[in-house]
Amino acid sequence: MLIYGLKNCDSCRKAKKALPEAQLVDVREAGVPRAVLTQAHEQFGAALLNTRSTTWRGLDEETRKQAPLALIEAHPALMKRPLIAVGDKLFLGWNKEIEADVHAML
């Protein structure tokens, strides 16, 4: 099980604490494999892009018009977090429902 996120993100830390067997992959350091990003974009669409982030607010209008996957590859912190991979299943974000769904997969 992999948690793609940021080591200083509160939601990612909560997910890691609830899923101690999971490995946290810091997207700023390691990025997200293209295949995982593509699958996540197909599954979650526009929800994959965190338009409430500080990184997003720092982008100019022209940059914001780029394709979501290109934006996330260039600015990994733009990905909504955490993105949790359990086998071939992906989960986006962290709340009680997602926590229950992830534990049901284990």
N, C-alpha and C. Protein backbone atom coordinates (compact mmCIF):
# COMPACT_ATOMS: atom_id res chain seq x y z
N MET A 1 0.85 -1.17 0.00
CA MET A 1 0.00 0.00 0.00
C MET A 1 0.90 1.23 0.00
N LEU A 2 0.58 2.18 -0.88
CA LEU A 2 1.34 3.41 -0.98
C LEU A 2 0.44 4.60 -0.75
N ILE A 3 0.95 5.59 -0.03
CA ILE A 3 0.25 6.85 0.16
C ILE A 3 1.09 7.90 -0.55
N TYR A 4 0.54 8.46 -1.62
CA TYR A 4 1.22 9.53 -2.33
C TYR A 4 0.75 10.85 -1.73
N GLY A 5 1.69 11.63 -1.26
CA GLY A 5 1.33 12.90 -0.63
C GLY A 5 2.57 13.66 -0.25
N LEU A 6 2.45 14.48 0.79
CA LEU A 6 3.56 15.27 1.30
C LEU A 6 3.76 14.93 2.76
N LYS A 7 5.01 14.81 3.17
CA LYS A 7 5.28 14.41 4.54
C LYS A 7 4.83 15.46 5.55
N ASN A 8 4.65 16.72 5.14
CA ASN A 8 4.18 17.74 6.07
C ASN A 8 2.70 18.07 5.92
N CYS A 9 1.97 17.24 5.17
CA CYS A 9 0.52 17.43 4.96
C CYS A 9 -0.25 16.75 6.11
N ASP A 10 -1.13 17.49 6.75
CA ASP A 10 -1.90 16.93 7.88
C ASP A 10 -2.72 15.71 7.48
N SER A 11 -3.40 15.78 6.34
CA SER A 11 -4.22 14.65 5.90
C SER A 11 -3.36 13.42 5.62
N CYS A 12 -2.20 13.63 5.04
CA CYS A 12 -1.29 12.51 4.75
C CYS A 12 -0.77 11.89 6.04
N ARG A 13 -0.46 12.73 7.01
CA ARG A 13 0.01 12.21 8.30
C ARG A 13 -1.09 11.41 8.99
N LYS A 14 -2.34 11.88 8.92
CA LYS A 14 -3.46 11.15 9.52
C LYS A 14 -3.63 9.79 8.85
N ALA A 15 -3.54 9.78 7.52
CA ALA A 15 -3.67 8.52 6.77
C ALA A 15 -2.54 7.57 7.14
N LYS A 16 -1.32 8.07 7.23
CA LYS A 16 -0.17 7.23 7.57
C LYS A 16 -0.32 6.67 8.99
N LYS A 17 -0.82 7.47 9.90
CA LYS A 17 -1.01 7.01 11.27
C LYS A 17 -2.07 5.90 11.33
N ALA A 18 -3.15 6.05 10.56
CA ALA A 18 -4.22 5.05 10.54
C ALA A 18 -3.84 3.81 9.74
N LEU A 19 -2.86 3.95 8.85
CA LEU A 19 -2.42 2.84 8.00
C LEU A 19 -0.91 2.65 8.18
N PRO A 20 -0.49 2.18 9.36
CA PRO A 20 0.95 2.09 9.64
C PRO A 20 1.72 1.19 8.68
N GLU A 21 1.03 0.25 8.04
CA GLU A 21 1.72 -0.64 7.11
C GLU A 21 1.98 0.02 5.75
N ALA A 22 1.39 1.18 5.52
CA ALA A 22 1.54 1.88 4.24
C ALA A 22 2.86 2.63 4.19
N GLN A 23 3.36 2.81 2.98
CA GLN A 23 4.58 3.58 2.76
C GLN A 23 4.18 4.95 2.21
N LEU A 24 4.67 6.02 2.83
CA LEU A 24 4.39 7.37 2.35
C LEU A 24 5.42 7.74 1.29
N VAL A 25 4.93 8.10 0.12
CA VAL A 25 5.79 8.55 -0.97
C VAL A 25 5.61 10.05 -1.08
N ASP A 26 6.66 10.81 -0.73
CA ASP A 26 6.58 12.27 -0.81
C ASP A 26 6.66 12.66 -2.28
N VAL A 27 5.59 13.24 -2.80
CA VAL A 27 5.51 13.54 -4.23
C VAL A 27 6.47 14.64 -4.65
N ARG A 28 6.89 15.48 -3.71
CA ARG A 28 7.88 16.52 -4.07
C ARG A 28 9.24 15.88 -4.32
N GLU A 29 9.54 14.82 -3.59
CA GLU A 29 10.84 14.17 -3.72
C GLU A 29 10.84 13.09 -4.79
N ALA A 30 9.82 12.24 -4.80
CA ALA A 30 9.81 11.07 -5.69
C ALA A 30 8.84 11.18 -6.86
N GLY A 31 7.89 12.12 -6.79
CA GLY A 31 6.88 12.22 -7.84
C GLY A 31 5.88 11.08 -7.76
N VAL A 32 4.99 11.03 -8.71
CA VAL A 32 4.00 9.96 -8.82
C VAL A 32 4.20 9.30 -10.18
N PRO A 33 4.30 7.99 -10.23
CA PRO A 33 4.48 7.33 -11.53
C PRO A 33 3.37 7.74 -12.50
N ARG A 34 3.74 7.93 -13.75
CA ARG A 34 2.80 8.39 -14.78
C ARG A 34 1.58 7.47 -14.86
N ALA A 35 1.78 6.16 -14.76
CA ALA A 35 0.66 5.22 -14.85
C ALA A 35 -0.33 5.44 -13.71
N VAL A 36 0.18 5.72 -12.50
CA VAL A 36 -0.69 5.97 -11.35
C VAL A 36 -1.44 7.28 -11.54
N LEU A 37 -0.73 8.31 -12.01
CA LEU A 37 -1.38 9.60 -12.26
C LEU A 37 -2.48 9.49 -13.32
N THR A 38 -2.18 8.74 -14.37
CA THR A 38 -3.16 8.56 -15.45
C THR A 38 -4.40 7.85 -14.92
N GLN A 39 -4.20 6.77 -14.16
CA GLN A 39 -5.33 6.04 -13.58
C GLN A 39 -6.13 6.95 -12.64
N ALA A 40 -5.43 7.72 -11.82
CA ALA A 40 -6.10 8.62 -10.88
C ALA A 40 -6.90 9.68 -11.63
N HIS A 41 -6.34 10.21 -12.71
CA HIS A 41 -7.06 11.22 -13.48
C HIS A 41 -8.30 10.63 -14.14
N GLU A 42 -8.18 9.40 -14.65
CA GLU A 42 -9.33 8.73 -15.25
C GLU A 42 -10.42 8.48 -14.21
N GLN A 43 -10.02 8.15 -13.00
CA GLN A 43 -10.98 7.82 -11.95
C GLN A 43 -11.58 9.06 -11.28
N PHE A 44 -10.76 10.07 -11.00
CA PHE A 44 -11.21 11.21 -10.21
C PHE A 44 -11.41 12.49 -11.01
N GLY A 45 -10.90 12.53 -12.24
CA GLY A 45 -11.07 13.72 -13.08
C GLY A 45 -10.51 14.98 -12.45
N ALA A 46 -11.28 16.05 -12.53
CA ALA A 46 -10.84 17.36 -12.04
C ALA A 46 -10.60 17.38 -10.53
N ALA A 47 -11.19 16.45 -9.79
CA ALA A 47 -11.00 16.40 -8.33
C ALA A 47 -9.55 16.10 -7.96
N LEU A 48 -8.76 15.58 -8.89
CA LEU A 48 -7.37 15.26 -8.62
C LEU A 48 -6.52 16.52 -8.44
N LEU A 49 -6.97 17.62 -9.01
CA LEU A 49 -6.23 18.88 -8.96
C LEU A 49 -6.73 19.71 -7.78
N ASN A 50 -5.82 20.06 -6.89
CA ASN A 50 -6.18 20.83 -5.70
C ASN A 50 -6.11 22.32 -6.03
N THR A 51 -7.25 22.90 -6.37
CA THR A 51 -7.30 24.31 -6.74
C THR A 51 -7.44 25.23 -5.53
N ARG A 52 -7.38 24.67 -4.34
CA ARG A 52 -7.43 25.48 -3.12
C ARG A 52 -6.05 25.65 -2.50
N SER A 53 -5.04 25.06 -3.13
CA SER A 53 -3.70 25.07 -2.54
C SER A 53 -2.98 26.39 -2.75
N THR A 54 -1.98 26.61 -1.93
CA THR A 54 -1.12 27.78 -2.06
C THR A 54 -0.40 27.75 -3.40
N THR A 55 0.01 26.56 -3.82
CA THR A 55 0.69 26.42 -5.10
C THR A 55 -0.20 26.89 -6.23
N TRP A 56 -1.47 26.50 -6.22
CA TRP A 56 -2.42 26.90 -7.27
C TRP A 56 -2.58 28.41 -7.29
N ARG A 57 -2.73 29.00 -6.13
CA ARG A 57 -2.92 30.46 -6.05
C ARG A 57 -1.70 31.21 -6.57
N GLY A 58 -0.54 30.57 -6.53
CA GLY A 58 0.68 31.21 -7.01
C GLY A 58 0.89 31.10 -8.51
N LEU A 59 0.05 30.33 -9.20
CA LEU A 59 0.19 30.16 -10.65
C LEU A 59 -0.51 31.28 -11.40
N ASP A 60 0.06 31.66 -12.55
CA ASP A 60 -0.62 32.65 -13.38
C ASP A 60 -1.72 31.97 -14.19
N GLU A 61 -2.60 32.78 -14.75
CA GLU A 61 -3.77 32.25 -15.49
C GLU A 61 -3.36 31.35 -16.65
N GLU A 62 -2.31 31.70 -17.35
CA GLU A 62 -1.86 30.91 -18.49
C GLU A 62 -1.42 29.51 -18.04
N THR A 63 -0.70 29.44 -16.95
CA THR A 63 -0.24 28.15 -16.43
C THR A 63 -1.43 27.31 -15.97
N ARG A 64 -2.40 27.93 -15.35
CA ARG A 64 -3.58 27.21 -14.85
C ARG A 64 -4.37 26.54 -15.97
N LYS A 65 -4.21 27.01 -17.19
CA LYS A 65 -4.96 26.45 -18.34
C LYS A 65 -4.34 25.16 -18.86
N GLN A 66 -3.16 24.78 -18.36
CA GLN A 66 -2.50 23.55 -18.82
C GLN A 66 -3.32 22.33 -18.40
N ALA A 67 -3.05 21.22 -19.06
CA ALA A 67 -3.72 19.96 -18.74
C ALA A 67 -3.40 19.58 -17.29
N PRO A 68 -4.39 19.03 -16.57
CA PRO A 68 -4.18 18.68 -15.16
C PRO A 68 -2.97 17.80 -14.90
N LEU A 69 -2.75 16.79 -15.72
CA LEU A 69 -1.61 15.89 -15.50
C LEU A 69 -0.29 16.61 -15.69
N ALA A 70 -0.22 17.51 -16.66
CA ALA A 70 1.00 18.28 -16.89
C ALA A 70 1.26 19.20 -15.70
N LEU A 71 0.21 19.80 -15.18
CA LEU A 71 0.35 20.68 -14.01
C LEU A 71 0.87 19.90 -12.80
N ILE A 72 0.30 18.72 -12.56
CA ILE A 72 0.70 17.92 -11.41
C ILE A 72 2.13 17.42 -11.57
N GLU A 73 2.51 17.05 -12.79
CA GLU A 73 3.89 16.62 -13.00
C GLU A 73 4.87 17.76 -12.77
N ALA A 74 4.50 18.98 -13.18
CA ALA A 74 5.37 20.14 -12.99
C ALA A 74 5.35 20.65 -11.56
N HIS A 75 4.19 20.53 -10.91
CA HIS A 75 3.99 21.03 -9.55
C HIS A 75 3.29 19.95 -8.72
N PRO A 76 4.03 18.96 -8.21
CA PRO A 76 3.42 17.82 -7.51
C PRO A 76 2.50 18.22 -6.35
N ALA A 77 2.75 19.35 -5.72
CA ALA A 77 1.91 19.78 -4.59
C ALA A 77 0.50 20.15 -5.03
N LEU A 78 0.26 20.25 -6.33
CA LEU A 78 -1.09 20.55 -6.84
C LEU A 78 -2.02 19.34 -6.77
N MET A 79 -1.47 18.16 -6.56
CA MET A 79 -2.31 16.97 -6.48
C MET A 79 -3.05 16.96 -5.15
N LYS A 80 -4.35 16.69 -5.20
CA LYS A 80 -5.10 16.53 -3.96
C LYS A 80 -4.50 15.36 -3.21
N ARG A 81 -4.47 15.49 -1.89
CA ARG A 81 -3.79 14.49 -1.08
C ARG A 81 -4.68 14.00 0.04
N PRO A 82 -4.36 12.79 0.50
CA PRO A 82 -3.45 11.81 -0.07
C PRO A 82 -4.11 11.03 -1.21
N LEU A 83 -3.28 10.49 -2.07
CA LEU A 83 -3.71 9.53 -3.08
C LEU A 83 -3.19 8.19 -2.59
N ILE A 84 -4.12 7.29 -2.28
CA ILE A 84 -3.75 6.00 -1.68
C ILE A 84 -3.95 4.89 -2.70
N ALA A 85 -2.90 4.11 -2.90
CA ALA A 85 -2.95 2.98 -3.83
C ALA A 85 -2.91 1.68 -3.03
N VAL A 86 -3.99 0.91 -3.18
CA VAL A 86 -4.09 -0.41 -2.55
C VAL A 86 -4.31 -1.40 -3.68
N GLY A 87 -3.26 -2.12 -4.04
CA GLY A 87 -3.36 -3.00 -5.21
C GLY A 87 -3.62 -2.14 -6.44
N ASP A 88 -4.70 -2.47 -7.16
CA ASP A 88 -5.04 -1.67 -8.35
C ASP A 88 -6.14 -0.64 -8.06
N LYS A 89 -6.50 -0.46 -6.80
CA LYS A 89 -7.53 0.50 -6.41
C LYS A 89 -6.89 1.79 -5.91
N LEU A 90 -7.53 2.91 -6.22
CA LEU A 90 -7.06 4.21 -5.76
C LEU A 90 -8.13 4.90 -4.93
N PHE A 91 -7.68 5.63 -3.92
CA PHE A 91 -8.56 6.42 -3.06
C PHE A 91 -7.96 7.82 -2.99
N LEU A 92 -8.82 8.84 -3.02
CA LEU A 92 -8.35 10.22 -3.01
C LEU A 92 -8.92 10.96 -1.82
N GLY A 93 -8.03 11.58 -1.05
CA GLY A 93 -8.44 12.32 0.13
C GLY A 93 -8.42 11.43 1.36
N TRP A 94 -8.83 12.01 2.49
CA TRP A 94 -8.84 11.23 3.73
C TRP A 94 -10.00 11.68 4.60
N ASN A 95 -10.90 10.76 4.87
CA ASN A 95 -12.00 10.98 5.82
C ASN A 95 -12.41 9.60 6.35
N LYS A 96 -13.41 9.56 7.20
CA LYS A 96 -13.82 8.29 7.82
C LYS A 96 -14.29 7.27 6.78
N GLU A 97 -15.01 7.73 5.75
CA GLU A 97 -15.49 6.82 4.70
C GLU A 97 -14.33 6.18 3.94
N ILE A 98 -13.37 7.01 3.55
CA ILE A 98 -12.22 6.48 2.81
C ILE A 98 -11.42 5.55 3.70
N GLU A 99 -11.25 5.93 4.96
CA GLU A 99 -10.53 5.07 5.90
C GLU A 99 -11.20 3.70 6.00
N ALA A 100 -12.52 3.68 6.10
CA ALA A 100 -13.27 2.42 6.18
C ALA A 100 -13.11 1.61 4.89
N ASP A 101 -13.19 2.30 3.74
CA ASP A 101 -13.04 1.62 2.45
C ASP A 101 -11.65 1.00 2.30
N VAL A 102 -10.63 1.74 2.72
CA VAL A 102 -9.25 1.22 2.62
C VAL A 102 -9.09 0.01 3.54
N HIS A 103 -9.58 0.12 4.77
CA HIS A 103 -9.44 -1.02 5.70
C HIS A 103 -10.22 -2.21 5.19
N ALA A 104 -11.32 -2.01 4.49
CA ALA A 104 -12.10 -3.12 3.94
C ALA A 104 -11.32 -3.85 2.84
N MET A 105 -10.40 -3.15 2.20
CA MET A 105 -9.58 -3.74 1.14
C MET A 105 -8.46 -4.62 1.71
N LEU A 106 -8.12 -4.40 2.97
CA LEU A 106 -6.97 -5.12 3.56
C LEU A 106 -7.33 -6.50 4.02
